[in-house]
Amino acid sequence: MRIVTQQDLGGPEVLRVTEAPRPEPGPTEVLVRVKAAGINPVDWKVRRGGGFLGKPPFTVGWDVAGVVEQAGFGATGVEEGDEVLGMPWFPRPANAYAEYVTAPSRHFVRKPAGLSFAEAAALPLAGLTAWQGLVDVANVRSGQRVFVDAAAGGVGHLAVQIAKARGAHVIGTASAGKHEFLRELGVDEPIDYHDETATASDVDVYFGLVGEDSDLRWLPAIKEGGLLIGVPSGVGDRVEKAAAEREVRTRRILVEPDHGGLTGLVELIEAGQLKVRVEQTFPLEDVAKAHELGESGRVSGKLVLTV
């Protein structure tokens, strides 16, 4: 099978399409023929620095959409022939940039019929990050004010819709040129993060998708007793200290495989309350170009590899 690998850490140029034996599913696992693989910031961070995977050689990628080709002994939930989506193994190797992957059957759910494979591949990691932060940790509910930093991005555009589906009033940041997109998503108060005079107030839940400096900038908008969730690198010491002084709670999260969360996301899609934005797709052979665009920071929604 074709698979993207790298022998060294570095820029997009280290990514190479090579050949490898097709994996075999073990007990409770399924073999999925990959139709599309989503691209996430963690992919290029690991490509550059090793991260969770250590030293090369390895294959990055965790978002998968495809067709179950073989089910191992004891596999449940999905069957051979099912069209599925999932985020297997994270943060361990999933080898999603490949023609086939194997993983526990319950790391996948059936793909909604109206969702393309590209859209399905764009959903799992970003969608579960938003779901686990806003639903499982924050328990966002009707009437609350939710602030999504980087609201037009891969995680952000899904977080906005999840918060709106739960009845929240949503504040979101993006450059001014993306504010119409934010309104289409349901953002009630778009903020241009370039505007140094911009403010917000009475925030119940702040979902930080940028980093420590941005978290510190918007911390005064969070009400006493409110919650700050730090995603890219957790919650830094400066943010932790400043939040404590303002009596704001903090939580660090790292996304994990979650059958219940995937089911919840699919239910929102089927109810018409969640749409996945795929800005561009690339064939597997153009994986380096896809990473270059992703790292530029100019993407609204997600980038996807088609296999």
C-alpha atoms as a PDB file:
ATOM      1  CA  MET A   1       0.000   0.000   0.000  1.00  0.00           C
ATOM      2  CA  ARG A   2       1.006   3.652  -0.355  1.00  0.00           C
ATOM      3  CA  ILE A   3       1.874   5.458   2.863  1.00  0.00           C
ATOM      4  CA  VAL A   4       3.450   8.814   3.760  1.00  0.00           C
ATOM      5  CA  THR A   5       6.564   8.449   5.890  1.00  0.00           C
ATOM      6  CA  GLN A   6       9.482  10.589   7.023  1.00  0.00           C
ATOM      7  CA  GLN A   7      13.018   9.611   7.907  1.00  0.00           C
ATOM      8  CA  ASP A   8      13.935  12.940   9.515  1.00  0.00           C
ATOM      9  CA  LEU A   9      12.304  15.743  11.473  1.00  0.00           C
ATOM     10  CA  GLY A  10      11.863  18.967   9.574  1.00  0.00           C
ATOM     11  CA  GLY A  11       9.791  20.916   7.076  1.00  0.00           C
ATOM     12  CA  PRO A  12       7.173  19.592   4.671  1.00  0.00           C
ATOM     13  CA  GLU A  13       9.908  18.388   2.329  1.00  0.00           C
ATOM     14  CA  VAL A  14      10.679  15.434   4.668  1.00  0.00           C
ATOM     15  CA  LEU A  15       7.310  13.825   3.829  1.00  0.00           C
ATOM     16  CA  ARG A  16       7.578  11.051   1.242  1.00  0.00           C
ATOM     17  CA  VAL A  17       5.034   8.654  -0.290  1.00  0.00           C
ATOM     18  CA  THR A  18       6.461   5.124  -0.038  1.00  0.00           C
ATOM     19  CA  GLU A  19       5.251   1.520  -0.099  1.00  0.00           C
ATOM     20  CA  ALA A  20       4.547  -0.670   2.933  1.00  0.00           C
ATOM     21  CA  PRO A  21       2.778  -3.982   3.648  1.00  0.00           C
ATOM     22  CA  ARG A  22      -0.958  -3.716   4.230  1.00  0.00           C
ATOM     23  CA  PRO A  23      -1.681  -4.098   7.974  1.00  0.00           C
ATOM     24  CA  GLU A  24      -3.843  -6.906   9.364  1.00  0.00           C
ATOM     25  CA  PRO A  25      -6.528  -6.272  11.992  1.00  0.00           C
ATOM     26  CA  GLY A  26      -6.090  -7.912  15.384  1.00  0.00           C
ATOM     27  CA  PRO A  27      -8.844  -8.964  17.791  1.00  0.00           C
ATOM     28  CA  THR A  28     -11.522  -6.229  18.200  1.00  0.00           C
ATOM     29  CA  GLU A  29      -9.892  -4.268  15.349  1.00  0.00           C
ATOM     30  CA  VAL A  30     -11.000  -3.382  11.833  1.00  0.00           C
ATOM     31  CA  LEU A  31      -9.079  -2.792   8.626  1.00  0.00           C
ATOM     32  CA  VAL A  32     -10.248   0.444   7.001  1.00  0.00           C
ATOM     33  CA  ARG A  33      -9.537   1.301   3.370  1.00  0.00           C
ATOM     34  CA  VAL A  34      -8.840   5.021   3.669  1.00  0.00           C
ATOM     35  CA  LYS A  35     -10.719   7.354   1.342  1.00  0.00           C
ATOM     36  CA  ALA A  36      -9.582  10.590   2.986  1.00  0.00           C
ATOM     37  CA  ALA A  37      -7.338  11.699   5.864  1.00  0.00           C
ATOM     38  CA  GLY A  38      -7.753  14.974   7.705  1.00  0.00           C
ATOM     39  CA  ILE A  39      -4.830  17.300   8.397  1.00  0.00           C
ATOM     40  CA  ASN A  40      -4.428  18.975  11.785  1.00  0.00           C
ATOM     41  CA  PRO A  41      -1.860  21.307  13.394  1.00  0.00           C
ATOM     42  CA  VAL A  42      -0.628  18.434  15.553  1.00  0.00           C
ATOM     43  CA  ASP A  43       0.453  16.689  12.344  1.00  0.00           C
ATOM     44  CA  TRP A  44       2.982  19.350  11.353  1.00  0.00           C
ATOM     45  CA  LYS A  45       4.064  19.917  14.951  1.00  0.00           C
ATOM     46  CA  VAL A  46       4.937  16.217  15.234  1.00  0.00           C
ATOM     47  CA  ARG A  47       6.546  16.267  11.777  1.00  0.00           C
ATOM     48  CA  ARG A  48       8.825  19.104  12.923  1.00  0.00           C
ATOM     49  CA  GLY A  49       9.569  18.060  16.471  1.00  0.00           C
ATOM     50  CA  GLY A  50       8.636  14.407  16.957  1.00  0.00           C
ATOM     51  CA  GLY A  51       6.156  15.144  19.735  1.00  0.00           C
ATOM     52  CA  PHE A  52       4.165  12.089  20.770  1.00  0.00           C
ATOM     53  CA  LEU A  53       5.869   9.866  18.179  1.00  0.00           C
ATOM     54  CA  GLY A  54       9.501  10.495  19.127  1.00  0.00           C
ATOM     55  CA  LYS A  55      12.184   9.935  16.512  1.00  0.00           C
ATOM     56  CA  PRO A  56      11.453   9.025  12.866  1.00  0.00           C
ATOM     57  CA  PRO A  57      10.729   6.991  10.889  1.00  0.00           C
ATOM     58  CA  PHE A  58       7.009   7.405  11.479  1.00  0.00           C
ATOM     59  CA  THR A  59       3.766   8.393   9.778  1.00  0.00           C
ATOM     60  CA  VAL A  60       1.674  11.303  11.031  1.00  0.00           C
ATOM     61  CA  GLY A  61      -2.085  11.705  10.798  1.00  0.00           C
ATOM     62  CA  TRP A  62      -5.023  10.637  12.966  1.00  0.00           C
ATOM     63  CA  ASP A  63      -8.193  11.609  11.069  1.00  0.00           C
ATOM     64  CA  VAL A  64      -9.627   8.790   8.970  1.00  0.00           C
ATOM     65  CA  ALA A  65     -12.651   8.320   6.724  1.00  0.00           C
ATOM     66  CA  GLY A  66     -13.075   5.194   4.657  1.00  0.00           C
ATOM     67  CA  VAL A  67     -14.669   1.783   4.275  1.00  0.00           C
ATOM     68  CA  VAL A  68     -14.335  -1.198   6.614  1.00  0.00           C
ATOM     69  CA  GLU A  69     -12.711  -3.937   4.541  1.00  0.00           C
ATOM     70  CA  GLN A  70     -12.114  -6.546   7.230  1.00  0.00           C
ATOM     71  CA  ALA A  71     -13.240  -7.027  10.831  1.00  0.00           C
ATOM     72  CA  GLY A  72     -11.119  -8.868  13.370  1.00  0.00           C
ATOM     73  CA  PHE A  73     -12.413 -11.310  15.974  1.00  0.00           C
ATOM     74  CA  GLY A  74     -14.753  -9.615  18.447  1.00  0.00           C
ATOM     75  CA  ALA A  75     -15.013  -6.281  16.584  1.00  0.00           C
ATOM     76  CA  THR A  76     -18.313  -4.525  17.325  1.00  0.00           C
ATOM     77  CA  GLY A  77     -20.147  -1.376  16.325  1.00  0.00           C
ATOM     78  CA  VAL A  78     -19.167  -1.358  12.655  1.00  0.00           C
ATOM     79  CA  GLU A  79     -19.154  -4.095  10.039  1.00  0.00           C
ATOM     80  CA  GLU A  80     -17.430  -4.960   6.792  1.00  0.00           C
ATOM     81  CA  GLY A  81     -18.677  -2.637   4.046  1.00  0.00           C
ATOM     82  CA  ASP A  82     -19.592   0.210   6.424  1.00  0.00           C
ATOM     83  CA  GLU A  83     -18.486   3.725   5.555  1.00  0.00           C
ATOM     84  CA  VAL A  84     -16.851   5.082   8.712  1.00  0.00           C
ATOM     85  CA  LEU A  85     -14.990   7.969  10.273  1.00  0.00           C
ATOM     86  CA  GLY A  86     -12.779   8.068  13.331  1.00  0.00           C
ATOM     87  CA  MET A  87      -9.673   9.268  15.161  1.00  0.00           C
ATOM     88  CA  PRO A  88      -7.846   6.047  16.003  1.00  0.00           C
ATOM     89  CA  TRP A  89      -5.154   5.623  18.626  1.00  0.00           C
ATOM     90  CA  PHE A  90      -4.389   9.296  19.369  1.00  0.00           C
ATOM     91  CA  PRO A  91      -1.808  10.257  20.604  1.00  0.00           C
ATOM     92  CA  ARG A  92      -0.164   6.945  19.679  1.00  0.00           C
ATOM     93  CA  PRO A  93       0.659   6.269  16.008  1.00  0.00           C
ATOM     94  CA  ALA A  94      -2.376   5.820  13.771  1.00  0.00           C
ATOM     95  CA  ASN A  95      -0.614   6.061  10.381  1.00  0.00           C
ATOM     96  CA  ALA A  96      -3.616   7.829   8.859  1.00  0.00           C
ATOM     97  CA  TYR A  97      -1.725   9.145   5.824  1.00  0.00           C
ATOM     98  CA  ALA A  98      -1.987   5.764   4.110  1.00  0.00           C
ATOM     99  CA  GLU A  99      -4.252   3.587   1.969  1.00  0.00           C
ATOM    100  CA  TYR A 100      -5.147   1.324   4.902  1.00  0.00           C
ATOM    101  CA  VAL A 101      -5.238   1.614   8.693  1.00  0.00           C
ATOM    102  CA  THR A 102      -6.126  -0.787  11.484  1.00  0.00           C
ATOM    103  CA  ALA A 103      -7.586   0.243  14.827  1.00  0.00           C
ATOM    104  CA  PRO A 104     -10.127  -0.833  17.458  1.00  0.00           C
ATOM    105  CA  SER A 105     -13.592  -0.942  15.922  1.00  0.00           C
ATOM    106  CA  ARG A 106     -14.960   1.400  18.574  1.00  0.00           C
ATOM    107  CA  HIS A 107     -12.566   4.131  17.491  1.00  0.00           C
ATOM    108  CA  PHE A 108     -14.924   4.522  14.511  1.00  0.00           C
ATOM    109  CA  VAL A 109     -18.577   5.323  13.876  1.00  0.00           C
ATOM    110  CA  ARG A 110     -20.666   5.023  10.718  1.00  0.00           C
ATOM    111  CA  LYS A 111     -20.408   8.005   8.385  1.00  0.00           C
ATOM    112  CA  PRO A 112     -23.642   9.938   7.814  1.00  0.00           C
ATOM    113  CA  ALA A 113     -24.912   9.310   4.286  1.00  0.00           C
ATOM    114  CA  GLY A 114     -24.990  13.011   3.427  1.00  0.00           C
ATOM    115  CA  LEU A 115     -21.375  13.616   4.474  1.00  0.00           C
ATOM    116  CA  SER A 116     -18.625  13.301   1.856  1.00  0.00           C
ATOM    117  CA  PHE A 117     -15.500  11.322   2.714  1.00  0.00           C
ATOM    118  CA  ALA A 118     -13.497  14.562   2.719  1.00  0.00           C
ATOM    119  CA  GLU A 119     -15.911  16.186   5.181  1.00  0.00           C
ATOM    120  CA  ALA A 120     -15.927  13.035   7.293  1.00  0.00           C
ATOM    121  CA  ALA A 121     -12.130  12.994   7.445  1.00  0.00           C
ATOM    122  CA  ALA A 122     -12.095  16.627   8.563  1.00  0.00           C
ATOM    123  CA  LEU A 123     -14.367  15.997  11.529  1.00  0.00           C
ATOM    124  CA  PRO A 124     -12.919  13.579  14.138  1.00  0.00           C
ATOM    125  CA  LEU A 125      -9.892  15.208  15.803  1.00  0.00           C
ATOM    126  CA  ALA A 126     -11.115  18.792  15.570  1.00  0.00           C
ATOM    127  CA  GLY A 127     -14.694  17.844  16.392  1.00  0.00           C
ATOM    128  CA  LEU A 128     -13.738  15.711  19.381  1.00  0.00           C
ATOM    129  CA  THR A 129     -11.449  18.450  20.707  1.00  0.00           C
ATOM    130  CA  ALA A 130     -14.385  20.857  20.652  1.00  0.00           C
ATOM    131  CA  TRP A 131     -16.849  18.283  22.005  1.00  0.00           C
ATOM    132  CA  GLN A 132     -14.680  17.122  24.867  1.00  0.00           C
ATOM    133  CA  GLY A 133     -13.881  20.706  25.867  1.00  0.00           C
ATOM    134  CA  LEU A 134     -17.318  22.290  25.561  1.00  0.00           C
ATOM    135  CA  VAL A 135     -19.598  19.343  26.324  1.00  0.00           C
ATOM    136  CA  ASP A 136     -17.654  16.990  28.606  1.00  0.00           C
ATOM    137  CA  VAL A 137     -15.555  19.536  30.505  1.00  0.00           C
ATOM    138  CA  ALA A 138     -17.552  22.787  30.400  1.00  0.00           C
ATOM    139  CA  ASN A 139     -21.072  21.329  30.048  1.00  0.00           C
ATOM    140  CA  VAL A 140     -22.060  24.390  28.006  1.00  0.00           C
ATOM    141  CA  ARG A 141     -25.765  25.105  28.332  1.00  0.00           C
ATOM    142  CA  SER A 142     -28.439  27.483  27.139  1.00  0.00           C
ATOM    143  CA  GLY A 143     -27.935  31.139  28.023  1.00  0.00           C
ATOM    144  CA  GLN A 144     -24.211  30.937  28.682  1.00  0.00           C
ATOM    145  CA  ARG A 145     -21.704  33.182  26.935  1.00  0.00           C
ATOM    146  CA  VAL A 146     -18.991  31.175  25.194  1.00  0.00           C
ATOM    147  CA  PHE A 147     -15.844  32.763  23.740  1.00  0.00           C
ATOM    148  CA  VAL A 148     -14.091  30.784  20.971  1.00  0.00           C
ATOM    149  CA  ASP A 149     -10.633  32.099  20.097  1.00  0.00           C
ATOM    150  CA  ALA A 150      -9.639  31.398  16.442  1.00  0.00           C
ATOM    151  CA  ALA A 151     -13.283  30.698  15.661  1.00  0.00           C
ATOM    152  CA  ALA A 152     -12.764  30.251  11.901  1.00  0.00           C
ATOM    153  CA  GLY A 153     -10.145  27.528  12.251  1.00  0.00           C
ATOM    154  CA  GLY A 154     -10.417  23.757  12.134  1.00  0.00           C
ATOM    155  CA  VAL A 155     -11.439  23.281  15.757  1.00  0.00           C
ATOM    156  CA  GLY A 156     -12.933  26.731  16.164  1.00  0.00           C
ATOM    157  CA  HIS A 157     -15.567  26.536  13.426  1.00  0.00           C
ATOM    158  CA  LEU A 158     -16.865  23.285  14.910  1.00  0.00           C
ATOM    159  CA  ALA A 159     -16.708  24.606  18.487  1.00  0.00           C
ATOM    160  CA  VAL A 160     -18.899  27.565  17.511  1.00  0.00           C
ATOM    161  CA  GLN A 161     -21.576  25.295  16.098  1.00  0.00           C
ATOM    162  CA  ILE A 162     -21.491  22.902  19.055  1.00  0.00           C
ATOM    163  CA  ALA A 163     -21.902  25.818  21.473  1.00  0.00           C
ATOM    164  CA  LYS A 164     -24.782  27.234  19.406  1.00  0.00           C
ATOM    165  CA  ALA A 165     -26.478  23.839  19.287  1.00  0.00           C
ATOM    166  CA  ARG A 166     -26.441  23.855  23.094  1.00  0.00           C
ATOM    167  CA  GLY A 167     -28.069  27.286  23.235  1.00  0.00           C
ATOM    168  CA  ALA A 168     -25.061  29.470  23.993  1.00  0.00           C
ATOM    169  CA  HIS A 169     -24.384  33.054  22.962  1.00  0.00           C
ATOM    170  CA  VAL A 170     -21.090  32.830  21.062  1.00  0.00           C
ATOM    171  CA  ILE A 171     -18.264  35.345  20.788  1.00  0.00           C
ATOM    172  CA  GLY A 172     -15.540  34.475  18.285  1.00  0.00           C
ATOM    173  CA  THR A 173     -12.265  35.919  17.032  1.00  0.00           C
ATOM    174  CA  ALA A 174     -10.964  35.974  13.459  1.00  0.00           C
ATOM    175  CA  SER A 175      -9.542  38.531  11.047  1.00  0.00           C
ATOM    176  CA  ALA A 176     -12.136  40.988   9.754  1.00  0.00           C
ATOM    177  CA  GLY A 177     -12.271  39.309   6.356  1.00  0.00           C
ATOM    178  CA  LYS A 178     -13.599  36.120   7.949  1.00  0.00           C
ATOM    179  CA  HIS A 179     -16.401  37.732   9.961  1.00  0.00           C
ATOM    180  CA  GLU A 180     -19.065  36.856   7.407  1.00  0.00           C
ATOM    181  CA  PHE A 181     -18.005  33.210   7.733  1.00  0.00           C
ATOM    182  CA  LEU A 182     -18.260  33.518  11.517  1.00  0.00           C
ATOM    183  CA  ARG A 183     -21.808  34.852  11.224  1.00  0.00           C
ATOM    184  CA  GLU A 184     -22.728  31.949   8.940  1.00  0.00           C
ATOM    185  CA  LEU A 185     -21.485  29.597  11.648  1.00  0.00           C
ATOM    186  CA  GLY A 186     -23.667  31.342  14.230  1.00  0.00           C
ATOM    187  CA  VAL A 187     -21.221  33.661  15.996  1.00  0.00           C
ATOM    188  CA  ASP A 188     -23.202  36.413  17.719  1.00  0.00           C
ATOM    189  CA  GLU A 189     -20.248  38.734  18.366  1.00  0.00           C
ATOM    190  CA  PRO A 190     -17.387  38.523  15.846  1.00  0.00           C
ATOM    191  CA  ILE A 191     -14.157  40.168  17.041  1.00  0.00           C
ATOM    192  CA  ASP A 192     -11.210  41.187  14.881  1.00  0.00           C
ATOM    193  CA  TYR A 193      -8.207  39.990  16.855  1.00  0.00           C
ATOM    194  CA  HIS A 194      -6.060  42.599  15.042  1.00  0.00           C
ATOM    195  CA  ASP A 195      -8.090  45.342  16.751  1.00  0.00           C
ATOM    196  CA  GLU A 196      -6.198  46.145  19.932  1.00  0.00           C
ATOM    197  CA  THR A 197      -9.191  48.075  21.288  1.00  0.00           C
ATOM    198  CA  ALA A 198     -11.599  45.127  20.971  1.00  0.00           C
ATOM    199  CA  THR A 199     -13.166  43.854  24.203  1.00  0.00           C
ATOM    200  CA  ALA A 200     -15.644  41.279  25.472  1.00  0.00           C
ATOM    201  CA  SER A 201     -17.327  40.715  28.815  1.00  0.00           C
ATOM    202  CA  ASP A 202     -19.274  38.329  31.068  1.00  0.00           C
ATOM    203  CA  VAL A 203     -17.841  35.194  29.436  1.00  0.00           C
ATOM    204  CA  ASP A 204     -18.811  31.927  31.130  1.00  0.00           C
ATOM    205  CA  VAL A 205     -16.562  29.636  29.072  1.00  0.00           C
ATOM    206  CA  TYR A 206     -13.440  30.665  27.171  1.00  0.00           C
ATOM    207  CA  PHE A 207     -12.152  28.114  24.650  1.00  0.00           C
ATOM    208  CA  GLY A 208      -8.545  29.030  23.928  1.00  0.00           C
ATOM    209  CA  LEU A 209      -7.219  27.748  20.615  1.00  0.00           C
ATOM    210  CA  VAL A 210      -4.305  30.140  20.032  1.00  0.00           C
ATOM    211  CA  GLY A 211      -1.918  30.108  22.972  1.00  0.00           C
ATOM    212  CA  GLU A 212      -0.771  31.769  26.176  1.00  0.00           C
ATOM    213  CA  ASP A 213      -0.475  35.376  24.972  1.00  0.00           C
ATOM    214  CA  SER A 214      -3.959  35.318  23.492  1.00  0.00           C
ATOM    215  CA  ASP A 215      -5.367  33.648  26.611  1.00  0.00           C
ATOM    216  CA  LEU A 216      -3.880  36.425  28.742  1.00  0.00           C
ATOM    217  CA  ARG A 217      -5.318  39.074  26.428  1.00  0.00           C
ATOM    218  CA  TRP A 218      -8.878  37.773  26.761  1.00  0.00           C
ATOM    219  CA  LEU A 219      -8.735  36.630  30.397  1.00  0.00           C
ATOM    220  CA  PRO A 220     -10.341  39.895  31.674  1.00  0.00           C
ATOM    221  CA  ALA A 221     -13.441  39.049  29.596  1.00  0.00           C
ATOM    222  CA  ILE A 222     -14.115  35.937  31.696  1.00  0.00           C
ATOM    223  CA  LYS A 223     -16.413  36.450  34.653  1.00  0.00           C
ATOM    224  CA  GLU A 224     -15.489  35.441  38.183  1.00  0.00           C
ATOM    225  CA  GLY A 225     -16.070  31.714  38.525  1.00  0.00           C
ATOM    226  CA  GLY A 226     -15.901  31.277  34.749  1.00  0.00           C
ATOM    227  CA  LEU A 227     -13.835  28.633  33.009  1.00  0.00           C
ATOM    228  CA  LEU A 228     -10.768  28.970  30.766  1.00  0.00           C
ATOM    229  CA  ILE A 229      -9.944  25.890  28.680  1.00  0.00           C
ATOM    230  CA  GLY A 230      -6.462  25.823  27.159  1.00  0.00           C
ATOM    231  CA  VAL A 231      -6.056  23.612  24.105  1.00  0.00           C
ATOM    232  CA  PRO A 232      -2.863  23.988  21.984  1.00  0.00           C
ATOM    233  CA  SER A 233      -0.338  23.747  24.823  1.00  0.00           C
ATOM    234  CA  GLY A 234      -2.573  23.504  27.858  1.00  0.00           C
ATOM    235  CA  VAL A 235      -2.557  26.347  30.378  1.00  0.00           C
ATOM    236  CA  GLY A 236       0.787  28.030  30.970  1.00  0.00           C
ATOM    237  CA  ASP A 237       2.046  29.165  34.355  1.00  0.00           C
ATOM    238  CA  ARG A 238       1.409  32.843  33.582  1.00  0.00           C
ATOM    239  CA  VAL A 239      -2.187  32.122  32.594  1.00  0.00           C
ATOM    240  CA  GLU A 240      -2.698  29.861  35.610  1.00  0.00           C
ATOM    241  CA  LYS A 241      -1.485  32.546  38.007  1.00  0.00           C
ATOM    242  CA  ALA A 242      -3.431  35.378  36.368  1.00  0.00           C
ATOM    243  CA  ALA A 243      -6.603  33.282  36.252  1.00  0.00           C
ATOM    244  CA  ALA A 244      -6.306  32.401  39.939  1.00  0.00           C
ATOM    245  CA  GLU A 245      -6.019  36.086  40.806  1.00  0.00           C
ATOM    246  CA  ARG A 246      -9.280  36.733  38.962  1.00  0.00           C
ATOM    247  CA  GLU A 247     -10.943  33.625  40.454  1.00  0.00           C
ATOM    248  CA  VAL A 248     -11.286  32.048  37.017  1.00  0.00           C
ATOM    249  CA  ARG A 249     -11.072  28.259  36.793  1.00  0.00           C
ATOM    250  CA  THR A 250      -8.709  26.628  34.274  1.00  0.00           C
ATOM    251  CA  ARG A 251      -8.581  23.238  32.560  1.00  0.00           C
ATOM    252  CA  ARG A 252      -6.080  21.644  30.234  1.00  0.00           C
ATOM    253  CA  ILE A 253      -7.394  19.148  27.700  1.00  0.00           C
ATOM    254  CA  LEU A 254      -5.874  16.712  25.229  1.00  0.00           C
ATOM    255  CA  VAL A 255      -8.252  15.009  22.829  1.00  0.00           C
ATOM    256  CA  GLU A 256      -8.622  11.220  22.994  1.00  0.00           C
ATOM    257  CA  PRO A 257     -10.513   8.538  21.043  1.00  0.00           C
ATOM    258  CA  ASP A 258     -14.147   8.774  22.067  1.00  0.00           C
ATOM    259  CA  HIS A 259     -16.953   6.668  20.585  1.00  0.00           C
ATOM    260  CA  GLY A 260     -19.596   8.604  22.518  1.00  0.00           C
ATOM    261  CA  GLY A 261     -18.241  11.938  21.358  1.00  0.00           C
ATOM    262  CA  LEU A 262     -18.156  10.816  17.719  1.00  0.00           C
ATOM    263  CA  THR A 263     -21.738   9.635  18.062  1.00  0.00           C
ATOM    264  CA  GLY A 264     -22.745  13.040  19.445  1.00  0.00           C
ATOM    265  CA  LEU A 265     -21.040  14.841  16.553  1.00  0.00           C
ATOM    266  CA  VAL A 266     -22.747  12.622  13.995  1.00  0.00           C
ATOM    267  CA  GLU A 267     -26.121  13.267  15.623  1.00  0.00           C
ATOM    268  CA  LEU A 268     -25.571  17.036  15.287  1.00  0.00           C
ATOM    269  CA  ILE A 269     -24.669  16.606  11.623  1.00  0.00           C
ATOM    270  CA  GLU A 270     -27.753  14.509  10.952  1.00  0.00           C
ATOM    271  CA  ALA A 271     -29.879  17.120  12.730  1.00  0.00           C
ATOM    272  CA  GLY A 272     -28.465  19.854  10.499  1.00  0.00           C
ATOM    273  CA  GLN A 273     -26.798  21.636  13.416  1.00  0.00           C
ATOM    274  CA  LEU A 274     -23.179  20.987  12.436  1.00  0.00           C
ATOM    275  CA  LYS A 275     -21.430  21.465   9.102  1.00  0.00           C
ATOM    276  CA  VAL A 276     -17.792  20.710   8.351  1.00  0.00           C
ATOM    277  CA  ARG A 277     -15.880  23.266   6.289  1.00  0.00           C
ATOM    278  CA  VAL A 278     -13.249  21.738   3.996  1.00  0.00           C
ATOM    279  CA  GLU A 279     -11.280  24.532   2.387  1.00  0.00           C
ATOM    280  CA  GLN A 280      -9.160  22.380   0.096  1.00  0.00           C
ATOM    281  CA  THR A 281      -8.289  18.759  -0.663  1.00  0.00           C
ATOM    282  CA  PHE A 282      -4.962  17.377  -1.875  1.00  0.00           C
ATOM    283  CA  PRO A 283      -3.984  14.003  -3.325  1.00  0.00           C
ATOM    284  CA  LEU A 284      -1.696  11.965  -1.098  1.00  0.00           C
ATOM    285  CA  GLU A 285       1.266  12.812  -3.354  1.00  0.00           C
ATOM    286  CA  ASP A 286       0.819  16.525  -2.573  1.00  0.00           C
ATOM    287  CA  VAL A 287       1.026  16.085   1.188  1.00  0.00           C
ATOM    288  CA  ALA A 288       3.961  18.531   1.449  1.00  0.00           C
ATOM    289  CA  LYS A 289       1.942  21.258  -0.299  1.00  0.00           C
ATOM    290  CA  ALA A 290      -0.955  20.599   2.074  1.00  0.00           C
ATOM    291  CA  HIS A 291       1.301  21.014   5.117  1.00  0.00           C
ATOM    292  CA  GLU A 292       2.763  24.226   3.700  1.00  0.00           C
ATOM    293  CA  LEU A 293      -0.708  25.722   3.340  1.00  0.00           C
ATOM    294  CA  GLY A 294      -1.788  24.517   6.770  1.00  0.00           C
ATOM    295  CA  GLU A 295       1.210  26.074   8.462  1.00  0.00           C
ATOM    296  CA  SER A 296       0.538  29.395   6.763  1.00  0.00           C
ATOM    297  CA  GLY A 297      -2.348  30.018   9.167  1.00  0.00           C
ATOM    298  CA  ARG A 298      -4.601  31.277   6.367  1.00  0.00           C
ATOM    299  CA  VAL A 299      -7.028  28.347   6.326  1.00  0.00           C
ATOM    300  CA  SER A 300     -10.692  28.544   7.299  1.00  0.00           C
ATOM    301  CA  GLY A 301     -11.936  25.130   8.337  1.00  0.00           C
ATOM    302  CA  LYS A 302      -9.892  22.077   7.378  1.00  0.00           C
ATOM    303  CA  LEU A 303      -7.485  20.629   4.799  1.00  0.00           C
ATOM    304  CA  VAL A 304      -7.872  17.018   3.718  1.00  0.00           C
ATOM    305  CA  LEU A 305      -5.806  14.433   1.869  1.00  0.00           C
ATOM    306  CA  THR A 306      -7.706  12.248  -0.596  1.00  0.00           C
ATOM    307  CA  VAL A 307      -6.368   8.715  -0.872  1.00  0.00           C
END
